[in-house]
Amino acid sequence: MTRIYLYDHCPFCVRATMVAAYKQVPFERVVLLNDDEKTCHDLIGKKMVPILEHDGEITAESLDICHKLDQIGNAARVITPQTPLSKAVTEHLATAGSAMWPLNFARITRIGLPEFATESAREYFRVNKEKMIGESFDAALARTEADKVVVEAMLASLPALSLPSHRDNLLSWDDVMIFPMLRCLTLIRDLKLPTIVSDYLEQVSQLTGVDLYFDRAI
């Protein structure tokens, strides 16, 4: 039995689900409410996701989970090695973090995700993330256009991405690091994505079965 405890919106959880799907590991997807601290504490002693339960063994930390799934999955579904690209891209994305995270956090509880199915779960997230970004979600939404300009400028100079279609449609460890961060941007309505970025998102989504948020963007 393989079970992954997760949130749909969490980039670290996306790492685990994309590897599990690509490696054809059958698993039960257990989406926790965002304010469910007890389940995490019962499993690993602290509130953190994802959590992998496989044959009675518990694994925490997203990359440890990914490597475990790689080991137990279909050996023919190769994940190609990580390159310096993933560090270059993640560092580049971080330069616009002060605009990206308010854009994301102020929207993510509003699109019907299961981890935010209750008012208490939404409030738990709001309190924690407003503290993190230093402003209310209403204030973050009010400066959407200014933040979009910052993010679009950052994306225009993003290091060139490697498309799965250019490498025999194989997943890479770079994808495991990069895709979850870029997926967050699909929540922002009318954000101008360079063609290479939108192509990359669509291809990795198709390869791993991880949905994008374009159809629910706010």
Foldseek 3Di string as FASTA:
>chain_A
DKEKEEFLLDLLQVLLLLLLQLLVPDYHYHYAAQPPFPVVCVQPNGDDDTWMADPNDIDDDSVVSSVVSCVPGHVVQDAAEDDCLLVQQVVLQVVLVLLLLLLLLLQVLPQDTPNNPDPVSNVVSQVVSCVVSVHHNVVSVVCNVVSLVSNLVSQVPGPQDDACVVVVNHHYVSCSRPQSVLLSVLQAPPRDHPPSSVRRNVSSCVSRVRDGCVVRHD
